N, C-alpha and C. Protein backbone atom coordinates (compact mmCIF):
# COMPACT_ATOMS: atom_id res chain seq x y z
N LEU A 1 -76.72 89.04 56.55
CA LEU A 1 -76.03 90.53 56.73
C LEU A 1 -74.80 90.64 56.54
N SER A 2 -74.75 91.69 55.81
CA SER A 2 -73.52 92.13 55.30
C SER A 2 -73.27 93.65 55.50
N SER A 3 -72.09 94.04 55.61
CA SER A 3 -71.27 95.09 55.83
C SER A 3 -69.63 95.78 54.67
N TRP A 4 -70.05 96.53 54.08
CA TRP A 4 -68.95 96.58 53.00
C TRP A 4 -67.71 97.53 54.00
N SER A 5 -66.47 97.55 53.40
CA SER A 5 -65.42 98.36 53.69
C SER A 5 -65.78 99.44 52.83
N ARG A 6 -65.23 100.66 53.32
CA ARG A 6 -65.19 102.20 52.32
C ARG A 6 -64.67 101.74 51.13
N ASP A 7 -63.39 101.19 51.20
CA ASP A 7 -62.79 100.77 49.67
C ASP A 7 -63.43 99.87 49.05
N GLY A 8 -64.61 98.90 49.47
CA GLY A 8 -65.21 98.05 48.69
C GLY A 8 -64.55 96.78 48.71
N ARG A 9 -63.08 96.20 49.28
CA ARG A 9 -62.63 95.26 48.64
C ARG A 9 -63.03 94.37 50.20
N HIS A 10 -63.24 94.95 50.96
CA HIS A 10 -63.44 93.75 52.42
C HIS A 10 -65.31 93.60 52.58
N LEU A 11 -65.59 92.47 53.04
CA LEU A 11 -66.62 92.49 53.27
C LEU A 11 -67.04 91.43 54.49
N LEU A 12 -67.81 92.17 55.48
CA LEU A 12 -68.30 91.49 56.73
C LEU A 12 -69.47 90.91 56.85
N THR A 13 -69.51 89.47 56.99
CA THR A 13 -70.87 88.87 57.08
C THR A 13 -71.11 88.65 58.33
N ALA A 14 -72.55 88.28 58.51
CA ALA A 14 -72.92 87.97 59.49
C ALA A 14 -74.21 87.09 59.80
N SER A 15 -74.54 85.94 60.58
CA SER A 15 -75.72 85.45 60.20
C SER A 15 -76.30 84.57 61.57
N GLN A 16 -77.23 83.87 61.58
CA GLN A 16 -77.71 83.31 62.26
C GLN A 16 -77.30 82.27 63.11
N ASP A 17 -76.17 81.43 62.38
CA ASP A 17 -75.07 80.61 62.95
C ASP A 17 -74.22 81.17 63.95
N CYS A 18 -74.41 82.19 64.48
CA CYS A 18 -73.69 83.11 65.43
C CYS A 18 -72.22 83.30 65.02
N ARG A 19 -72.15 83.42 64.02
CA ARG A 19 -70.80 83.74 63.34
C ARG A 19 -70.80 84.99 62.39
N ALA A 20 -69.38 85.47 62.91
CA ALA A 20 -69.44 86.95 61.80
C ALA A 20 -67.54 86.58 61.19
N CYS A 21 -67.65 86.82 59.57
CA CYS A 21 -66.65 86.71 58.79
C CYS A 21 -66.23 87.83 58.22
N LEU A 22 -64.72 88.48 58.25
CA LEU A 22 -64.56 89.38 57.51
C LEU A 22 -63.80 88.49 56.13
N TRP A 23 -64.20 88.97 54.72
CA TRP A 23 -63.63 88.71 54.11
C TRP A 23 -62.64 89.51 52.80
N ASP A 24 -61.94 89.41 52.32
CA ASP A 24 -61.00 89.86 51.33
C ASP A 24 -61.28 89.68 50.02
N LEU A 25 -62.38 90.43 49.39
CA LEU A 25 -62.67 90.03 47.75
C LEU A 25 -61.72 89.96 47.09
N GLN A 26 -60.57 90.57 47.13
CA GLN A 26 -59.73 90.75 46.17
C GLN A 26 -58.65 89.51 46.09
N THR A 27 -58.75 89.11 47.25
CA THR A 27 -57.85 87.72 47.19
C THR A 27 -58.65 86.51 47.30
N GLN A 28 -59.65 86.63 47.39
CA GLN A 28 -61.07 85.69 47.66
C GLN A 28 -60.53 84.77 48.97
N GLU A 29 -60.15 85.40 50.13
CA GLU A 29 -59.91 84.64 51.17
C GLU A 29 -60.85 85.21 52.57
N ARG A 30 -61.08 84.50 53.24
CA ARG A 30 -61.68 84.55 54.60
C ARG A 30 -60.45 85.17 55.59
N ILE A 31 -60.50 86.31 56.18
CA ILE A 31 -59.47 86.97 56.51
C ILE A 31 -59.49 86.30 58.33
N ARG A 32 -60.90 86.39 58.90
CA ARG A 32 -61.00 86.22 60.30
C ARG A 32 -62.42 85.77 60.27
N THR A 33 -62.64 84.97 61.50
CA THR A 33 -64.30 84.29 61.97
C THR A 33 -64.15 84.63 63.32
N VAL A 34 -65.30 85.20 63.75
CA VAL A 34 -65.84 85.42 65.20
C VAL A 34 -67.01 84.77 65.53
N LYS A 35 -66.91 83.91 66.36
CA LYS A 35 -68.12 83.22 67.11
C LYS A 35 -68.32 83.71 68.28
N PHE A 36 -69.72 83.96 67.96
CA PHE A 36 -70.59 84.38 69.29
C PHE A 36 -71.55 83.36 70.06
N GLU A 37 -72.07 83.75 71.40
CA GLU A 37 -72.62 82.72 71.96
C GLU A 37 -74.34 82.77 71.51
N ALA A 38 -74.79 83.89 70.33
CA ALA A 38 -75.99 83.53 70.17
C ALA A 38 -76.16 84.55 68.70
N PRO A 39 -77.21 84.23 67.99
CA PRO A 39 -77.25 84.53 66.68
C PRO A 39 -77.33 85.97 66.71
N ILE A 40 -76.76 86.68 65.36
CA ILE A 40 -76.59 88.04 65.22
C ILE A 40 -77.42 88.72 64.77
N TYR A 41 -78.05 89.74 65.42
CA TYR A 41 -79.11 90.65 64.86
C TYR A 41 -78.52 91.67 63.65
N THR A 42 -77.30 92.35 63.83
CA THR A 42 -76.72 93.50 62.91
C THR A 42 -75.31 92.89 63.58
N ALA A 43 -74.39 93.36 61.95
CA ALA A 43 -73.13 93.72 62.38
C ALA A 43 -72.42 94.96 61.69
N GLU A 44 -71.93 95.69 61.37
CA GLU A 44 -71.26 96.49 60.94
C GLU A 44 -69.95 97.34 60.90
N LEU A 45 -69.06 96.97 60.08
CA LEU A 45 -67.67 97.45 59.90
C LEU A 45 -67.49 99.03 60.15
N HIS A 46 -66.61 99.15 60.90
CA HIS A 46 -66.14 100.69 61.21
C HIS A 46 -66.08 101.62 60.21
N PRO A 47 -65.91 102.28 59.72
CA PRO A 47 -66.27 103.08 58.34
C PRO A 47 -64.44 103.47 58.05
N TYR A 48 -63.88 103.48 58.80
CA TYR A 48 -62.22 103.62 58.36
C TYR A 48 -61.14 102.65 58.99
N ASN A 49 -61.68 101.73 59.82
CA ASN A 49 -61.01 100.50 60.45
C ASN A 49 -61.84 99.07 60.23
N ARG A 50 -61.40 98.59 59.05
CA ARG A 50 -61.84 97.40 58.68
C ARG A 50 -61.48 96.19 59.61
N ASN A 51 -60.90 96.41 60.86
CA ASN A 51 -60.59 95.51 61.79
C ASN A 51 -61.56 95.66 63.25
N LEU A 52 -62.51 96.50 63.05
CA LEU A 52 -63.36 96.99 64.14
C LEU A 52 -64.90 96.61 63.66
N PHE A 53 -65.92 96.03 64.20
CA PHE A 53 -67.07 96.11 63.76
C PHE A 53 -67.85 96.00 65.08
N VAL A 54 -69.25 96.44 65.48
CA VAL A 54 -70.18 96.33 66.40
C VAL A 54 -70.80 95.23 65.86
N ALA A 55 -71.34 94.39 66.64
CA ALA A 55 -72.64 93.39 66.67
C ALA A 55 -73.50 93.61 67.59
N SER A 56 -75.03 93.39 67.61
CA SER A 56 -75.88 93.27 68.39
C SER A 56 -76.47 91.57 68.25
N LEU A 57 -76.90 91.08 69.19
CA LEU A 57 -76.72 89.91 69.09
C LEU A 57 -78.17 89.49 69.78
N PHE A 58 -78.83 88.17 69.51
CA PHE A 58 -80.35 88.11 69.64
C PHE A 58 -79.98 87.63 71.11
N GLU A 59 -80.96 88.47 72.15
CA GLU A 59 -80.97 87.90 73.52
C GLU A 59 -79.86 88.11 74.05
N ASP A 60 -78.78 88.74 74.07
CA ASP A 60 -77.28 88.67 74.45
C ASP A 60 -77.17 90.21 74.69
N ARG A 61 -75.76 90.59 75.21
CA ARG A 61 -75.40 91.83 75.58
C ARG A 61 -74.92 92.09 73.67
N PRO A 62 -74.53 93.48 73.19
CA PRO A 62 -73.80 93.85 72.04
C PRO A 62 -72.43 93.97 72.43
N TYR A 63 -71.40 93.74 71.14
CA TYR A 63 -70.23 93.96 71.24
C TYR A 63 -69.66 94.83 70.37
N LEU A 64 -68.38 95.23 70.56
CA LEU A 64 -67.77 96.26 69.97
C LEU A 64 -66.16 95.17 69.89
N VAL A 65 -66.08 94.73 68.49
CA VAL A 65 -65.10 93.64 68.27
C VAL A 65 -63.90 94.14 67.53
N ASP A 66 -62.86 93.82 67.83
CA ASP A 66 -61.07 94.21 67.32
C ASP A 66 -60.92 92.77 66.86
N ILE A 67 -60.47 93.15 65.54
CA ILE A 67 -60.26 91.42 64.86
C ILE A 67 -58.69 91.74 64.01
N THR A 68 -58.15 92.65 65.02
CA THR A 68 -56.73 93.13 64.27
C THR A 68 -55.47 91.44 64.23
N ASN A 69 -55.89 91.13 65.21
CA ASN A 69 -55.18 89.85 65.55
C ASN A 69 -55.96 88.58 65.53
N PRO A 70 -55.25 87.43 65.17
CA PRO A 70 -56.15 86.34 64.93
C PRO A 70 -56.90 85.93 66.12
N GLU A 71 -56.90 86.45 67.44
CA GLU A 71 -57.81 85.94 68.69
C GLU A 71 -58.47 87.58 68.63
N PRO A 72 -59.60 87.40 68.63
CA PRO A 72 -60.46 88.58 68.57
C PRO A 72 -60.50 89.25 69.93
N VAL A 73 -60.74 90.55 70.25
CA VAL A 73 -60.91 90.97 71.05
C VAL A 73 -62.58 91.55 71.36
N LYS A 74 -63.37 91.28 72.10
CA LYS A 74 -64.37 91.45 72.26
C LYS A 74 -64.77 92.50 73.67
N ARG A 75 -65.61 93.36 73.13
CA ARG A 75 -66.00 94.43 74.14
C ARG A 75 -67.52 94.77 74.19
N VAL A 76 -67.70 94.57 75.64
CA VAL A 76 -69.11 94.16 76.04
C VAL A 76 -69.79 96.24 75.93
N LEU A 77 -70.52 96.43 75.03
CA LEU A 77 -71.51 97.40 75.12
C LEU A 77 -72.58 97.85 75.81
N PRO A 78 -72.89 98.82 76.66
CA PRO A 78 -73.65 98.82 77.43
C PRO A 78 -75.23 98.89 76.75
N THR A 79 -76.41 98.96 77.19
CA THR A 79 -77.78 98.80 76.99
C THR A 79 -78.59 99.65 77.35
N THR A 80 -78.53 99.62 78.64
CA THR A 80 -79.70 100.62 79.24
C THR A 80 -79.38 101.72 79.60
N PRO A 81 -80.33 102.69 78.82
CA PRO A 81 -80.62 103.64 78.76
C PRO A 81 -79.97 104.96 80.09
N LEU A 82 -79.56 105.91 79.50
CA LEU A 82 -79.10 106.74 80.62
C LEU A 82 -80.64 107.48 81.46
N SER A 83 -81.32 107.89 80.50
CA SER A 83 -82.49 108.25 81.26
C SER A 83 -82.92 108.20 82.59
N ASP A 84 -83.35 109.26 83.64
CA ASP A 84 -83.45 109.03 84.89
C ASP A 84 -85.22 108.49 85.00
N SER A 85 -85.89 108.62 83.92
CA SER A 85 -87.11 108.19 83.67
C SER A 85 -87.66 106.93 83.44
N VAL A 86 -86.35 105.88 83.06
CA VAL A 86 -86.60 104.61 83.07
C VAL A 86 -87.17 103.93 83.72
N SER A 87 -88.32 103.18 83.28
CA SER A 87 -89.43 102.00 84.18
C SER A 87 -88.48 101.30 84.45
N ARG A 88 -88.52 100.70 85.82
CA ARG A 88 -87.98 99.33 86.13
C ARG A 88 -88.14 98.23 85.03
N SER A 89 -89.37 98.10 84.32
CA SER A 89 -90.02 97.29 83.57
C SER A 89 -88.94 97.57 81.94
N GLU A 90 -88.58 98.88 81.71
CA GLU A 90 -87.93 99.18 80.65
C GLU A 90 -86.27 99.17 80.85
N ASN A 91 -85.97 98.52 82.03
CA ASN A 91 -84.53 98.60 82.48
C ASN A 91 -84.06 97.48 82.06
N LYS A 92 -84.24 96.29 81.84
CA LYS A 92 -83.97 95.20 81.12
C LYS A 92 -83.98 95.04 79.94
N GLN A 93 -83.12 95.75 78.74
CA GLN A 93 -83.21 95.67 77.40
C GLN A 93 -82.26 95.09 76.68
N ALA A 94 -82.83 94.89 75.16
CA ALA A 94 -81.48 94.10 74.46
C ALA A 94 -81.18 95.31 73.21
N THR A 95 -80.01 95.20 72.87
CA THR A 95 -79.30 95.86 71.69
C THR A 95 -80.00 95.24 70.54
N THR A 96 -80.70 95.69 69.81
CA THR A 96 -81.59 94.99 68.31
C THR A 96 -80.87 95.40 67.25
N SER A 97 -80.20 96.81 67.47
CA SER A 97 -79.40 97.14 65.81
C SER A 97 -78.36 98.46 66.35
N ALA A 98 -77.28 98.13 65.61
CA ALA A 98 -75.94 99.14 66.26
C ALA A 98 -75.20 99.43 64.83
N ILE A 99 -74.80 100.65 64.61
CA ILE A 99 -74.29 101.51 63.61
C ILE A 99 -73.11 102.12 64.11
N PHE A 100 -72.24 102.44 63.31
CA PHE A 100 -71.45 103.56 63.77
C PHE A 100 -71.51 104.66 62.74
N SER A 101 -71.36 105.75 63.60
CA SER A 101 -71.32 107.50 63.19
C SER A 101 -70.48 107.36 61.79
N VAL A 102 -70.75 108.46 61.10
CA VAL A 102 -69.81 108.39 60.07
C VAL A 102 -68.55 108.24 60.01
N LEU A 103 -67.87 109.20 61.10
CA LEU A 103 -66.49 108.93 61.15
C LEU A 103 -65.98 108.01 62.13
N GLY A 104 -67.15 107.04 62.44
CA GLY A 104 -66.88 106.09 63.28
C GLY A 104 -66.13 106.26 65.18
N ASN A 105 -66.78 107.61 65.30
CA ASN A 105 -66.13 107.97 66.51
C ASN A 105 -67.19 107.79 67.61
N HIS A 106 -68.20 107.74 67.40
CA HIS A 106 -69.63 106.92 68.31
C HIS A 106 -70.78 105.95 67.25
N ILE A 107 -71.12 105.26 68.22
CA ILE A 107 -71.59 103.97 67.61
C ILE A 107 -73.45 104.27 68.49
N ILE A 108 -74.28 104.02 67.15
CA ILE A 108 -75.37 104.34 67.70
C ILE A 108 -76.56 102.95 67.54
N THR A 109 -76.99 102.75 68.49
CA THR A 109 -77.82 101.44 68.93
C THR A 109 -79.21 101.78 69.02
N GLY A 110 -80.07 100.57 69.01
CA GLY A 110 -81.59 100.91 69.19
C GLY A 110 -81.49 99.66 69.99
N THR A 111 -82.94 99.80 70.86
CA THR A 111 -82.99 98.77 71.90
C THR A 111 -84.37 98.08 71.48
N SER A 112 -84.95 97.02 72.52
CA SER A 112 -85.98 96.30 72.26
C SER A 112 -87.23 97.20 72.55
N LYS A 113 -86.58 98.17 73.62
CA LYS A 113 -87.90 98.91 74.26
C LYS A 113 -87.86 100.59 73.39
N GLY A 114 -87.41 100.29 72.46
CA GLY A 114 -87.50 101.38 71.59
C GLY A 114 -86.81 102.55 71.64
N TYR A 115 -85.61 102.67 72.51
CA TYR A 115 -84.59 103.65 72.78
C TYR A 115 -83.42 103.54 71.66
N ILE A 116 -82.96 104.89 71.53
CA ILE A 116 -81.88 105.27 70.59
C ILE A 116 -80.70 105.77 71.74
N ASN A 117 -79.34 104.92 71.86
CA ASN A 117 -78.50 105.66 72.59
C ASN A 117 -77.47 105.66 71.61
N ILE A 118 -76.44 106.78 72.15
CA ILE A 118 -75.30 106.91 71.46
C ILE A 118 -74.06 106.60 72.52
N LEU A 119 -73.36 106.24 72.15
CA LEU A 119 -72.17 105.92 72.65
C LEU A 119 -70.48 106.24 71.77
N GLU A 120 -69.98 106.26 72.91
CA GLU A 120 -68.41 106.97 72.41
C GLU A 120 -67.48 105.86 72.05
N THR A 121 -67.25 105.59 71.05
CA THR A 121 -66.63 104.25 70.67
C THR A 121 -65.73 104.07 71.52
N GLU A 122 -64.76 104.75 71.71
CA GLU A 122 -63.35 104.76 72.19
C GLU A 122 -63.40 104.65 73.96
N SER A 123 -64.54 104.93 74.36
CA SER A 123 -65.02 104.81 75.87
C SER A 123 -65.90 103.52 76.19
N ARG A 124 -66.59 103.57 75.27
CA ARG A 124 -67.87 102.55 74.87
C ARG A 124 -68.92 103.12 76.45
N LYS A 125 -68.89 104.36 76.35
CA LYS A 125 -70.20 104.98 77.19
C LYS A 125 -70.99 105.59 76.53
N ILE A 126 -72.28 105.35 77.40
CA ILE A 126 -73.52 106.06 76.58
C ILE A 126 -73.40 107.44 77.09
N ILE A 127 -73.26 108.22 76.15
CA ILE A 127 -73.66 109.87 76.31
C ILE A 127 -75.31 110.65 76.22
N HIS A 128 -75.63 109.69 75.03
CA HIS A 128 -77.20 110.37 75.14
C HIS A 128 -78.16 109.22 75.20
N SER A 129 -79.23 109.17 75.50
CA SER A 129 -80.38 108.26 75.50
C SER A 129 -81.45 108.97 74.89
N ALA A 130 -82.32 108.42 74.19
CA ALA A 130 -83.77 109.05 74.01
C ALA A 130 -84.82 108.05 73.57
N LYS A 131 -86.16 107.78 73.90
CA LYS A 131 -87.18 107.00 73.77
C LYS A 131 -87.86 107.47 72.41
N ILE A 132 -87.70 106.78 71.43
CA ILE A 132 -88.60 107.22 70.21
C ILE A 132 -89.62 106.15 69.74
N SER A 133 -89.73 105.26 70.57
CA SER A 133 -90.74 104.20 69.94
C SER A 133 -91.30 103.18 71.01
N THR A 134 -92.34 102.52 70.67
CA THR A 134 -92.92 102.04 71.91
C THR A 134 -92.38 100.73 71.24
N GLY A 135 -91.91 99.97 70.32
CA GLY A 135 -91.51 98.91 69.54
C GLY A 135 -89.95 98.65 69.82
N LEU A 136 -89.71 97.46 69.61
CA LEU A 136 -88.35 97.50 69.21
C LEU A 136 -87.46 98.41 67.63
N ILE A 137 -86.49 98.44 68.21
CA ILE A 137 -86.07 99.08 67.05
C ILE A 137 -85.52 98.09 66.22
N SER A 138 -85.82 97.98 65.15
CA SER A 138 -85.37 96.89 64.23
C SER A 138 -84.06 97.17 63.07
N LEU A 139 -84.08 98.27 62.73
CA LEU A 139 -82.89 98.83 61.77
C LEU A 139 -82.52 100.27 62.21
N LEU A 140 -81.20 100.53 62.08
CA LEU A 140 -80.96 101.93 62.03
C LEU A 140 -79.91 102.23 60.67
N ARG A 141 -80.24 103.11 60.00
CA ARG A 141 -79.18 103.61 58.86
C ARG A 141 -78.98 105.33 58.99
N LEU A 142 -77.59 105.08 58.86
CA LEU A 142 -77.45 106.92 58.97
C LEU A 142 -76.75 107.46 57.58
N ALA A 143 -77.44 108.40 57.31
CA ALA A 143 -77.35 109.58 55.93
C ALA A 143 -76.06 109.97 55.76
N ALA A 144 -75.45 109.80 54.53
CA ALA A 144 -74.12 110.11 54.30
C ALA A 144 -73.49 111.18 54.90
N ASN A 145 -74.18 112.33 55.12
CA ASN A 145 -73.62 113.22 56.04
C ASN A 145 -73.63 112.96 57.41
N GLY A 146 -74.35 112.14 57.91
CA GLY A 146 -74.45 111.44 59.25
C GLY A 146 -75.25 112.50 59.90
N ARG A 147 -76.03 113.18 59.57
CA ARG A 147 -76.94 114.02 60.37
C ARG A 147 -78.49 113.81 60.24
N HIS A 148 -78.95 112.52 59.25
CA HIS A 148 -80.40 111.88 59.15
C HIS A 148 -80.04 110.43 59.87
N LEU A 149 -80.62 110.20 60.36
CA LEU A 149 -80.94 108.59 61.23
C LEU A 149 -82.42 108.16 60.74
N LEU A 150 -82.49 106.85 60.41
CA LEU A 150 -83.18 106.50 59.61
C LEU A 150 -83.83 105.32 60.91
N ALA A 151 -84.75 105.22 61.42
CA ALA A 151 -85.22 104.37 62.45
C ALA A 151 -86.49 103.37 62.28
N ASN A 152 -86.23 102.16 61.81
CA ASN A 152 -87.49 101.29 61.41
C ASN A 152 -87.86 100.50 63.07
N SER A 153 -89.21 100.43 63.53
CA SER A 153 -89.24 99.80 64.46
C SER A 153 -90.88 98.71 63.88
N THR A 154 -90.94 97.80 65.36
CA THR A 154 -92.29 97.28 65.14
C THR A 154 -93.28 97.80 65.25
N ASP A 155 -93.76 98.93 66.04
CA ASP A 155 -94.63 99.43 65.94
C ASP A 155 -95.06 100.03 64.58
N ARG A 156 -94.24 99.45 63.61
CA ARG A 156 -94.66 99.90 61.99
C ARG A 156 -94.42 101.54 61.67
N ILE A 157 -93.76 102.03 62.34
CA ILE A 157 -93.42 103.27 61.78
C ILE A 157 -92.01 103.60 61.47
N ILE A 158 -91.81 104.01 60.29
CA ILE A 158 -90.30 104.43 60.10
C ILE A 158 -90.16 105.69 60.14
N ARG A 159 -88.91 106.06 61.14
CA ARG A 159 -89.01 107.81 61.49
C ARG A 159 -87.29 108.17 60.88
N THR A 160 -87.05 109.53 61.02
CA THR A 160 -86.10 109.85 60.63
C THR A 160 -85.94 110.97 61.32
N ILE A 161 -84.89 110.97 62.21
CA ILE A 161 -84.35 111.87 63.31
C ILE A 161 -83.30 112.56 63.06
N ASN A 162 -83.22 113.95 63.27
CA ASN A 162 -81.99 114.88 62.71
C ASN A 162 -81.32 114.66 64.10
N LEU A 163 -79.99 114.59 63.64
CA LEU A 163 -78.82 114.31 64.66
C LEU A 163 -77.91 115.69 64.43
N PRO A 164 -77.29 115.62 65.87
CA PRO A 164 -76.65 116.98 65.65
C PRO A 164 -74.94 116.47 65.18
N ASP A 165 -74.12 117.09 64.56
CA ASP A 165 -73.10 116.92 64.40
C ASP A 165 -72.21 116.49 65.23
N LEU A 166 -72.20 114.80 65.15
CA LEU A 166 -71.14 113.99 66.47
C LEU A 166 -70.00 114.29 66.25
N SER A 167 -69.47 114.79 65.26
CA SER A 167 -67.80 114.84 65.30
C SER A 167 -67.40 116.21 65.97
N LEU A 168 -68.57 116.59 66.46
CA LEU A 168 -67.99 118.02 67.26
C LEU A 168 -68.17 117.85 68.73
N ILE A 169 -68.80 116.82 69.06
CA ILE A 169 -69.24 116.47 70.46
C ILE A 169 -67.20 116.18 71.03
N THR A 170 -67.28 116.74 72.22
CA THR A 170 -65.92 116.35 72.94
C THR A 170 -65.86 115.39 73.51
N PRO A 171 -64.70 114.44 73.63
CA PRO A 171 -65.12 113.07 74.05
C PRO A 171 -65.29 113.15 75.67
N SER A 172 -65.48 112.02 76.02
CA SER A 172 -65.40 112.48 77.67
C SER A 172 -63.65 111.96 78.28
N THR A 173 -63.09 111.37 77.34
CA THR A 173 -61.59 111.00 77.37
C THR A 173 -60.61 112.46 77.13
N ALA A 174 -61.37 113.62 77.12
CA ALA A 174 -60.50 114.76 76.72
C ALA A 174 -60.15 114.98 77.95
N PRO A 175 -58.89 115.85 78.06
CA PRO A 175 -58.72 116.85 79.12
C PRO A 175 -60.07 117.86 79.50
N PRO A 176 -59.97 118.12 80.91
CA PRO A 176 -61.17 119.36 81.03
C PRO A 176 -61.03 120.62 80.89
N PHE A 177 -62.09 121.12 80.12
CA PHE A 177 -61.77 122.38 79.62
C PHE A 177 -61.73 123.29 80.85
N GLU A 178 -60.60 124.22 80.64
CA GLU A 178 -60.53 125.20 81.48
C GLU A 178 -60.10 126.38 80.84
N PRO A 179 -61.27 127.20 81.29
CA PRO A 179 -61.20 128.65 80.56
C PRO A 179 -60.09 129.45 81.02
N THR A 180 -59.74 130.44 80.31
CA THR A 180 -58.72 131.57 80.57
C THR A 180 -58.72 132.39 80.80
N SER A 181 -60.67 132.82 80.62
CA SER A 181 -60.98 134.36 80.93
C SER A 181 -62.23 134.48 81.04
N GLU A 182 -62.79 135.14 81.41
CA GLU A 182 -64.59 135.04 81.61
C GLU A 182 -65.34 134.68 80.45
N ASP A 183 -64.81 135.28 79.15
CA ASP A 183 -65.49 134.90 78.16
C ASP A 183 -65.64 133.79 77.37
N ASP A 184 -64.18 133.15 78.26
CA ASP A 184 -63.61 131.68 77.38
C ASP A 184 -64.66 130.82 77.66
N GLN A 185 -65.55 129.80 77.08
CA GLN A 185 -66.44 128.99 77.88
C GLN A 185 -66.67 128.06 76.38
N PRO A 186 -66.63 126.88 76.85
CA PRO A 186 -67.11 125.84 75.51
C PRO A 186 -68.26 126.12 74.81
N ASP A 187 -68.34 125.96 73.51
CA ASP A 187 -69.24 125.70 72.56
C ASP A 187 -70.20 125.10 73.21
N PRO A 188 -71.62 125.53 73.43
CA PRO A 188 -72.56 124.42 74.47
C PRO A 188 -72.62 123.19 73.04
N ALA A 189 -72.24 123.37 71.66
CA ALA A 189 -73.01 122.02 70.99
C ALA A 189 -71.59 121.24 70.77
N THR A 190 -70.65 121.26 71.76
CA THR A 190 -69.66 120.30 71.89
C THR A 190 -70.09 119.39 72.98
N LEU A 191 -70.98 119.80 73.90
CA LEU A 191 -71.16 119.09 75.20
C LEU A 191 -72.07 117.99 74.72
N ALA A 192 -71.81 116.78 75.08
CA ALA A 192 -72.56 115.56 74.81
C ALA A 192 -74.28 115.89 75.82
N GLU A 193 -74.02 116.67 76.56
CA GLU A 193 -75.34 116.64 77.34
C GLU A 193 -76.52 117.47 76.83
N ASN A 194 -75.65 118.27 75.55
CA ASN A 194 -76.78 119.12 74.88
C ASN A 194 -77.21 118.43 73.37
N ILE A 195 -77.30 117.22 73.23
CA ILE A 195 -77.31 116.38 72.28
C ILE A 195 -79.15 116.55 72.27
N VAL A 196 -79.64 117.04 71.07
CA VAL A 196 -81.15 116.71 71.16
C VAL A 196 -81.18 115.77 69.70
N LEU A 197 -82.24 114.89 70.09
CA LEU A 197 -82.72 114.27 68.79
C LEU A 197 -83.97 114.80 68.65
N THR A 198 -84.22 115.14 67.02
CA THR A 198 -85.30 115.97 66.42
C THR A 198 -85.92 115.03 65.45
C-alpha cells in the first residue's frame, strides 16, 4: 500500500508487517516509521500535511496518526455508525478503508458491515453514517473534485456515491450560530445533519 504527498516528494508505505513508513524520495531517506499492533488494510496521507495520515488496521481500531515529532501520536477513530437503526449484530464493526476528503478536513471510512462514516478530522467525531452495502467495504477512492466517491465491497458491486461539498460543512468545534434577525438562518447545506449520500 502506498500514498503520495501532493508535491510528489514524499511517499507513505504500509504493509502486512504492521509498519507504516514515510519516505523522502528526494533525499532517498526514511523519515518516520510507525509500528502498529495489527496488519494495515489502508493508509493515506493528508492532502496538505505530510505529517498526518489515517490508517485502517486488520481487526483493530483505525487511527489518525501525527508524525510531526519522532514519537508518533496515534489517535483512535470511532467505527460504530451513528444510525439509530444499527442492529446489535452490526454494532461490532471494523474500519476496513479510510481516506481523507479533498481538503483533508474530513475522513471517510468504510466498515466491515457495509457502512460509510464521515468524520471531522479535527474533532475525530462521526458526523454522518449510511449503509451502502451488505458486504465489507474494501476500497474507497475520491474524485479530484471531492464530490464523487467510489466504493468497492465484497458483495462484488462497485458503487459511485455523490457527496455534498464537505468543505461547506460547519465544524462541530465552531461557535454556535446566533441569528441577528428573523431572516438570518444558517444555510442548511452547511449543517452536518443534512448530509445526503446518493
